[in-house]
Amino acid sequence: MPMNLPRLLLVSDRKREREGALEAAIRAGAGFVQIREKDLGPDAVAERIAALPGTRPGDAHAAPLVCINGQPELARRLGLGLHLPADHPPVDRTSIVFTGRSVHDQDEALRALDDGIDYLIVGTLFASASKPGRMPLGLAAFERLVRLVEPLPVFGIGGISPARVVAVTGAGAHGVAVCGAILVAPDPSAATRQFLQELSR
């Protein structure tokens, strides 16, 4: 059975995001977070996770569903999900709660299926400031990949604004993965609520 995942996946980037933006977005309703800090070691990533809303004693806010990018041993140690970049080799999934992978084309998507992945992030869907050199996939190619891996949950990523959410979900996506559109926004809480509103349509 496919996992029942939140439809908004927020991808961290502490080098770009406004101070406190990740925490504000979680408190505004972002319930699924990927900690993507490739230059940080396991202890520093664990510290960032421990500071998220809902993870400290006495914090009444619900803790988000968390996956860690590219660090399987840390995901095992903390009992969290693992997200793998497209070029990351398959990992032993023992004691890892769930696993996702980024893919860009049909071959990568099929390999991810063979690995027993629980969800996919597919992109770059539109032109994106965070991936300036990557050719956008476009909605038609994206929809073909979504159909190829059904019923696996797929999140579209890359250049997605609230105005584009309905087009992405209309192409079959379970949801959207977002970084700068929320974490660099003047009001990350308002941006989060706007995405959630579009995803609820």
C-alpha atoms as a PDB file:
ATOM      1  CA  MET A   1       0.000   0.000   0.000  1.00  0.00           C
ATOM      2  CA  PRO A   2       1.297   3.504  -0.821  1.00  0.00           C
ATOM      3  CA  MET A   3       2.204   5.666   2.158  1.00  0.00           C
ATOM      4  CA  ASN A   4      -0.314   8.266   3.292  1.00  0.00           C
ATOM      5  CA  LEU A   5       1.939  11.323   3.156  1.00  0.00           C
ATOM      6  CA  PRO A   6       1.189  15.024   3.620  1.00  0.00           C
ATOM      7  CA  ARG A   7       0.896  16.793   0.265  1.00  0.00           C
ATOM      8  CA  LEU A   8       3.359  19.609   1.004  1.00  0.00           C
ATOM      9  CA  LEU A   9       6.998  18.559   1.362  1.00  0.00           C
ATOM     10  CA  LEU A  10       9.245  21.362   2.619  1.00  0.00           C
ATOM     11  CA  VAL A  11      12.950  21.052   1.763  1.00  0.00           C
ATOM     12  CA  SER A  12      15.369  22.855   4.072  1.00  0.00           C
ATOM     13  CA  ASP A  13      18.261  25.031   2.926  1.00  0.00           C
ATOM     14  CA  ARG A  14      19.715  27.014   5.806  1.00  0.00           C
ATOM     15  CA  LYS A  15      22.073  28.928   3.478  1.00  0.00           C
ATOM     16  CA  ARG A  16      19.135  30.506   1.628  1.00  0.00           C
ATOM     17  CA  GLU A  17      16.219  30.554   4.034  1.00  0.00           C
ATOM     18  CA  ARG A  18      15.213  33.478   6.203  1.00  0.00           C
ATOM     19  CA  GLU A  19      16.063  33.085   9.871  1.00  0.00           C
ATOM     20  CA  GLY A  20      13.337  31.064  11.566  1.00  0.00           C
ATOM     21  CA  ALA A  21      11.530  30.376   8.272  1.00  0.00           C
ATOM     22  CA  LEU A  22      11.602  26.583   8.550  1.00  0.00           C
ATOM     23  CA  GLU A  23      10.151  26.666  12.045  1.00  0.00           C
ATOM     24  CA  ALA A  24       7.502  29.231  11.062  1.00  0.00           C
ATOM     25  CA  ALA A  25       6.420  27.117   8.105  1.00  0.00           C
ATOM     26  CA  ILE A  26       6.043  24.037  10.290  1.00  0.00           C
ATOM     27  CA  ARG A  27       3.942  25.963  12.783  1.00  0.00           C
ATOM     28  CA  ALA A  28       1.805  27.202   9.868  1.00  0.00           C
ATOM     29  CA  GLY A  29       1.023  23.622   8.855  1.00  0.00           C
ATOM     30  CA  ALA A  30       3.938  22.176   6.868  1.00  0.00           C
ATOM     31  CA  GLY A  31       3.801  18.625   8.161  1.00  0.00           C
ATOM     32  CA  PHE A  32       6.468  16.913   6.037  1.00  0.00           C
ATOM     33  CA  VAL A  33      10.058  18.163   6.061  1.00  0.00           C
ATOM     34  CA  GLN A  34      13.232  17.024   4.309  1.00  0.00           C
ATOM     35  CA  ILE A  35      16.404  18.142   6.053  1.00  0.00           C
ATOM     36  CA  ARG A  36      18.733  18.719   3.130  1.00  0.00           C
ATOM     37  CA  GLU A  37      22.021  20.089   4.459  1.00  0.00           C
ATOM     38  CA  LYS A  38      24.665  18.215   2.506  1.00  0.00           C
ATOM     39  CA  ASP A  39      27.591  20.112   4.024  1.00  0.00           C
ATOM     40  CA  LEU A  40      26.643  19.239   7.620  1.00  0.00           C
ATOM     41  CA  GLY A  41      27.737  16.147   9.493  1.00  0.00           C
ATOM     42  CA  PRO A  42      25.320  13.831  11.308  1.00  0.00           C
ATOM     43  CA  ASP A  43      25.550  15.578  14.692  1.00  0.00           C
ATOM     44  CA  ALA A  44      24.802  19.006  13.235  1.00  0.00           C
ATOM     45  CA  VAL A  45      21.847  17.627  11.253  1.00  0.00           C
ATOM     46  CA  ALA A  46      20.550  15.902  14.389  1.00  0.00           C
ATOM     47  CA  GLU A  47      20.777  19.222  16.264  1.00  0.00           C
ATOM     48  CA  ARG A  48      18.762  20.967  13.551  1.00  0.00           C
ATOM     49  CA  ILE A  49      16.080  18.287  13.742  1.00  0.00           C
ATOM     50  CA  ALA A  50      15.973  18.487  17.530  1.00  0.00           C
ATOM     51  CA  ALA A  51      15.205  22.219  17.264  1.00  0.00           C
ATOM     52  CA  LEU A  52      12.126  21.751  15.046  1.00  0.00           C
ATOM     53  CA  PRO A  53       8.679  22.556  16.461  1.00  0.00           C
ATOM     54  CA  GLY A  54       7.056  19.630  18.215  1.00  0.00           C
ATOM     55  CA  THR A  55      10.304  17.853  19.021  1.00  0.00           C
ATOM     56  CA  ARG A  56      11.047  19.473  22.392  1.00  0.00           C
ATOM     57  CA  PRO A  57       9.384  18.515  25.678  1.00  0.00           C
ATOM     58  CA  GLY A  58       6.514  20.843  26.456  1.00  0.00           C
ATOM     59  CA  ASP A  59       5.997  21.969  22.855  1.00  0.00           C
ATOM     60  CA  ALA A  60       2.332  21.290  22.121  1.00  0.00           C
ATOM     61  CA  HIS A  61       2.795  21.579  18.355  1.00  0.00           C
ATOM     62  CA  ALA A  62       2.636  18.291  16.445  1.00  0.00           C
ATOM     63  CA  ALA A  63       6.064  17.189  15.256  1.00  0.00           C
ATOM     64  CA  PRO A  64       6.417  17.068  11.455  1.00  0.00           C
ATOM     65  CA  LEU A  65       7.199  13.921   9.512  1.00  0.00           C
ATOM     66  CA  VAL A  66      10.944  14.221   8.865  1.00  0.00           C
ATOM     67  CA  CYS A  67      13.265  12.640   6.325  1.00  0.00           C
ATOM     68  CA  ILE A  68      17.016  13.184   6.144  1.00  0.00           C
ATOM     69  CA  ASN A  69      18.793  13.678   2.839  1.00  0.00           C
ATOM     70  CA  GLY A  70      21.595  11.242   2.080  1.00  0.00           C
ATOM     71  CA  GLN A  71      22.511  10.056   5.607  1.00  0.00           C
ATOM     72  CA  PRO A  72      21.126   6.520   6.103  1.00  0.00           C
ATOM     73  CA  GLU A  73      22.931   5.831   9.381  1.00  0.00           C
ATOM     74  CA  LEU A  74      21.509   8.983  10.949  1.00  0.00           C
ATOM     75  CA  ALA A  75      18.016   8.125   9.707  1.00  0.00           C
ATOM     76  CA  ARG A  76      18.361   4.727  11.400  1.00  0.00           C
ATOM     77  CA  ARG A  77      19.704   6.221  14.618  1.00  0.00           C
ATOM     78  CA  LEU A  78      16.923   8.783  14.913  1.00  0.00           C
ATOM     79  CA  GLY A  79      14.126   6.557  13.632  1.00  0.00           C
ATOM     80  CA  LEU A  80      13.301   8.931  10.763  1.00  0.00           C
ATOM     81  CA  GLY A  81      12.804   8.732   7.028  1.00  0.00           C
ATOM     82  CA  LEU A  82      15.598   8.839   4.461  1.00  0.00           C
ATOM     83  CA  HIS A  83      15.656  10.742   1.188  1.00  0.00           C
ATOM     84  CA  LEU A  84      18.178   9.723  -1.454  1.00  0.00           C
ATOM     85  CA  PRO A  85      19.512  11.905  -4.281  1.00  0.00           C
ATOM     86  CA  ALA A  86      19.155  10.439  -7.767  1.00  0.00           C
ATOM     87  CA  ASP A  87      22.823   9.391  -7.922  1.00  0.00           C
ATOM     88  CA  HIS A  88      22.936   7.800  -4.458  1.00  0.00           C
ATOM     89  CA  PRO A  89      23.403   4.015  -4.536  1.00  0.00           C
ATOM     90  CA  PRO A  90      20.686   1.804  -3.019  1.00  0.00           C
ATOM     91  CA  VAL A  91      20.914   1.398   0.744  1.00  0.00           C
ATOM     92  CA  ASP A  92      20.053  -1.286   3.270  1.00  0.00           C
ATOM     93  CA  ARG A  93      16.622  -0.124   4.440  1.00  0.00           C
ATOM     94  CA  THR A  94      16.718  -2.080   7.701  1.00  0.00           C
ATOM     95  CA  SER A  95      15.404   0.117  10.567  1.00  0.00           C
ATOM     96  CA  ILE A  96      14.720   3.023   8.207  1.00  0.00           C
ATOM     97  CA  VAL A  97      11.094   4.099   8.617  1.00  0.00           C
ATOM     98  CA  PHE A  98      10.521   5.095   4.978  1.00  0.00           C
ATOM     99  CA  THR A  99      12.618   6.018   1.953  1.00  0.00           C
ATOM    100  CA  GLY A 100      12.187   8.490  -0.893  1.00  0.00           C
ATOM    101  CA  ARG A 101      14.329   9.323  -3.874  1.00  0.00           C
ATOM    102  CA  SER A 102      14.776  12.198  -6.330  1.00  0.00           C
ATOM    103  CA  VAL A 103      14.517  11.266 -10.015  1.00  0.00           C
ATOM    104  CA  HIS A 104      14.711  13.180 -13.267  1.00  0.00           C
ATOM    105  CA  ASP A 105      13.852  10.688 -15.997  1.00  0.00           C
ATOM    106  CA  GLN A 106      12.278   7.323 -16.777  1.00  0.00           C
ATOM    107  CA  ASP A 107      15.390   5.215 -16.132  1.00  0.00           C
ATOM    108  CA  GLU A 108      15.909   6.728 -12.681  1.00  0.00           C
ATOM    109  CA  ALA A 109      12.225   6.295 -11.858  1.00  0.00           C
ATOM    110  CA  LEU A 110      12.263   2.610 -12.815  1.00  0.00           C
ATOM    111  CA  ARG A 111      15.411   1.982 -10.761  1.00  0.00           C
ATOM    112  CA  ALA A 112      13.730   3.626  -7.776  1.00  0.00           C
ATOM    113  CA  LEU A 113      10.735   1.327  -8.192  1.00  0.00           C
ATOM    114  CA  ASP A 114      13.045  -1.703  -8.218  1.00  0.00           C
ATOM    115  CA  ASP A 115      14.597  -0.451  -4.964  1.00  0.00           C
ATOM    116  CA  GLY A 116      11.221  -0.417  -3.205  1.00  0.00           C
ATOM    117  CA  ILE A 117      11.137   3.343  -2.623  1.00  0.00           C
ATOM    118  CA  ASP A 118       8.100   4.744  -0.777  1.00  0.00           C
ATOM    119  CA  TYR A 119       7.781   8.058  -2.643  1.00  0.00           C
ATOM    120  CA  LEU A 120       9.494  10.050  -5.391  1.00  0.00           C
ATOM    121  CA  ILE A 121      10.407  13.671  -5.931  1.00  0.00           C
ATOM    122  CA  VAL A 122      10.382  14.390  -9.678  1.00  0.00           C
ATOM    123  CA  GLY A 123      11.825  17.491 -11.341  1.00  0.00           C
ATOM    124  CA  THR A 124      13.098  19.986 -12.107  1.00  0.00           C
ATOM    125  CA  LEU A 125       9.541  20.699 -13.267  1.00  0.00           C
ATOM    126  CA  PHE A 126       9.819  24.414 -14.133  1.00  0.00           C
ATOM    127  CA  ALA A 127      12.786  26.782 -14.340  1.00  0.00           C
ATOM    128  CA  SER A 128      14.175  27.133 -10.827  1.00  0.00           C
ATOM    129  CA  ALA A 129      16.577  29.564  -9.176  1.00  0.00           C
ATOM    130  CA  SER A 130      18.055  26.724  -7.123  1.00  0.00           C
ATOM    131  CA  LYS A 131      18.835  24.646 -10.263  1.00  0.00           C
ATOM    132  CA  PRO A 132      19.770  27.313 -12.816  1.00  0.00           C
ATOM    133  CA  GLY A 133      21.534  24.970 -15.231  1.00  0.00           C
ATOM    134  CA  ARG A 134      18.901  22.229 -15.372  1.00  0.00           C
ATOM    135  CA  MET A 135      16.476  22.003 -18.292  1.00  0.00           C
ATOM    136  CA  PRO A 136      12.886  22.035 -17.004  1.00  0.00           C
ATOM    137  CA  LEU A 137      11.059  18.725 -17.355  1.00  0.00           C
ATOM    138  CA  GLY A 138       7.677  20.277 -18.162  1.00  0.00           C
ATOM    139  CA  LEU A 139       4.209  19.037 -17.269  1.00  0.00           C
ATOM    140  CA  ALA A 140       3.772  16.551 -20.117  1.00  0.00           C
ATOM    141  CA  ALA A 141       6.960  14.606 -19.326  1.00  0.00           C
ATOM    142  CA  PHE A 142       6.196  14.877 -15.619  1.00  0.00           C
ATOM    143  CA  GLU A 143       2.758  13.334 -16.119  1.00  0.00           C
ATOM    144  CA  ARG A 144       4.264  10.427 -18.061  1.00  0.00           C
ATOM    145  CA  LEU A 145       6.633   9.675 -15.168  1.00  0.00           C
ATOM    146  CA  VAL A 146       3.806   9.903 -12.633  1.00  0.00           C
ATOM    147  CA  ARG A 147       1.752   7.371 -14.633  1.00  0.00           C
ATOM    148  CA  LEU A 148       4.787   5.110 -14.974  1.00  0.00           C
ATOM    149  CA  VAL A 149       5.205   4.707 -11.200  1.00  0.00           C
ATOM    150  CA  GLU A 150       1.545   4.674 -10.098  1.00  0.00           C
ATOM    151  CA  PRO A 151       0.393   4.283  -7.349  1.00  0.00           C
ATOM    152  CA  LEU A 152       3.643   5.534  -5.781  1.00  0.00           C
ATOM    153  CA  PRO A 153       3.218   9.059  -4.326  1.00  0.00           C
ATOM    154  CA  VAL A 154       5.040  11.628  -6.463  1.00  0.00           C
ATOM    155  CA  PHE A 155       5.974  15.178  -5.476  1.00  0.00           C
ATOM    156  CA  GLY A 156       6.758  17.693  -8.202  1.00  0.00           C
ATOM    157  CA  ILE A 157       9.692  20.017  -7.512  1.00  0.00           C
ATOM    158  CA  GLY A 158      11.342  22.984  -9.178  1.00  0.00           C
ATOM    159  CA  GLY A 159       9.946  26.456  -9.750  1.00  0.00           C
ATOM    160  CA  ILE A 160       6.605  25.655  -8.148  1.00  0.00           C
ATOM    161  CA  SER A 161       4.533  28.577  -6.918  1.00  0.00           C
ATOM    162  CA  PRO A 162       1.061  28.389  -5.372  1.00  0.00           C
ATOM    163  CA  ALA A 163      -0.372  29.391  -8.758  1.00  0.00           C
ATOM    164  CA  ARG A 164       1.157  26.270 -10.343  1.00  0.00           C
ATOM    165  CA  VAL A 165      -0.001  23.759  -7.732  1.00  0.00           C
ATOM    166  CA  VAL A 166      -3.288  22.856  -9.419  1.00  0.00           C
ATOM    167  CA  ALA A 167      -1.514  22.178 -12.729  1.00  0.00           C
ATOM    168  CA  VAL A 168       0.997  19.904 -10.990  1.00  0.00           C
ATOM    169  CA  THR A 169      -1.608  17.927  -9.070  1.00  0.00           C
ATOM    170  CA  GLY A 170      -3.732  17.836 -12.218  1.00  0.00           C
ATOM    171  CA  ALA A 171      -0.823  16.016 -13.883  1.00  0.00           C
ATOM    172  CA  GLY A 172      -1.165  13.305 -11.234  1.00  0.00           C
ATOM    173  CA  ALA A 173       1.184  14.465  -8.488  1.00  0.00           C
ATOM    174  CA  HIS A 174       0.375  13.554  -4.909  1.00  0.00           C
ATOM    175  CA  GLY A 175       1.844  16.888  -3.863  1.00  0.00           C
ATOM    176  CA  VAL A 176       4.626  19.412  -4.290  1.00  0.00           C
ATOM    177  CA  ALA A 177       8.106  19.774  -2.817  1.00  0.00           C
ATOM    178  CA  VAL A 178       9.087  23.362  -2.124  1.00  0.00           C
ATOM    179  CA  CYS A 179      12.118  25.232  -0.824  1.00  0.00           C
ATOM    180  CA  GLY A 180      12.622  28.869  -1.781  1.00  0.00           C
ATOM    181  CA  ALA A 181       8.968  29.671  -2.494  1.00  0.00           C
ATOM    182  CA  ILE A 182       8.351  29.309   1.245  1.00  0.00           C
ATOM    183  CA  LEU A 183      11.696  29.650   2.997  1.00  0.00           C
ATOM    184  CA  VAL A 184      12.807  32.771   1.120  1.00  0.00           C
ATOM    185  CA  ALA A 185       9.331  34.351   1.055  1.00  0.00           C
ATOM    186  CA  PRO A 186       8.788  37.629   2.965  1.00  0.00           C
ATOM    187  CA  ASP A 187       6.211  35.802   5.117  1.00  0.00           C
ATOM    188  CA  PRO A 188       6.975  32.049   5.237  1.00  0.00           C
ATOM    189  CA  SER A 189       3.867  31.334   7.334  1.00  0.00           C
ATOM    190  CA  ALA A 190       1.562  33.014   4.827  1.00  0.00           C
ATOM    191  CA  ALA A 191       3.306  31.282   1.914  1.00  0.00           C
ATOM    192  CA  THR A 192       2.856  27.914   3.628  1.00  0.00           C
ATOM    193  CA  ARG A 193      -0.851  28.526   4.173  1.00  0.00           C
ATOM    194  CA  GLN A 194      -1.232  29.541   0.536  1.00  0.00           C
ATOM    195  CA  PHE A 195       0.357  26.301  -0.679  1.00  0.00           C
ATOM    196  CA  LEU A 196      -1.807  24.250   1.670  1.00  0.00           C
ATOM    197  CA  GLN A 197      -4.924  26.023   0.453  1.00  0.00           C
ATOM    198  CA  GLU A 198      -4.062  25.248  -3.186  1.00  0.00           C
ATOM    199  CA  LEU A 199      -3.287  21.627  -2.323  1.00  0.00           C
ATOM    200  CA  SER A 200      -6.677  21.227  -0.668  1.00  0.00           C
ATOM    201  CA  ARG A 201      -8.572  22.058  -3.893  1.00  0.00           C
END
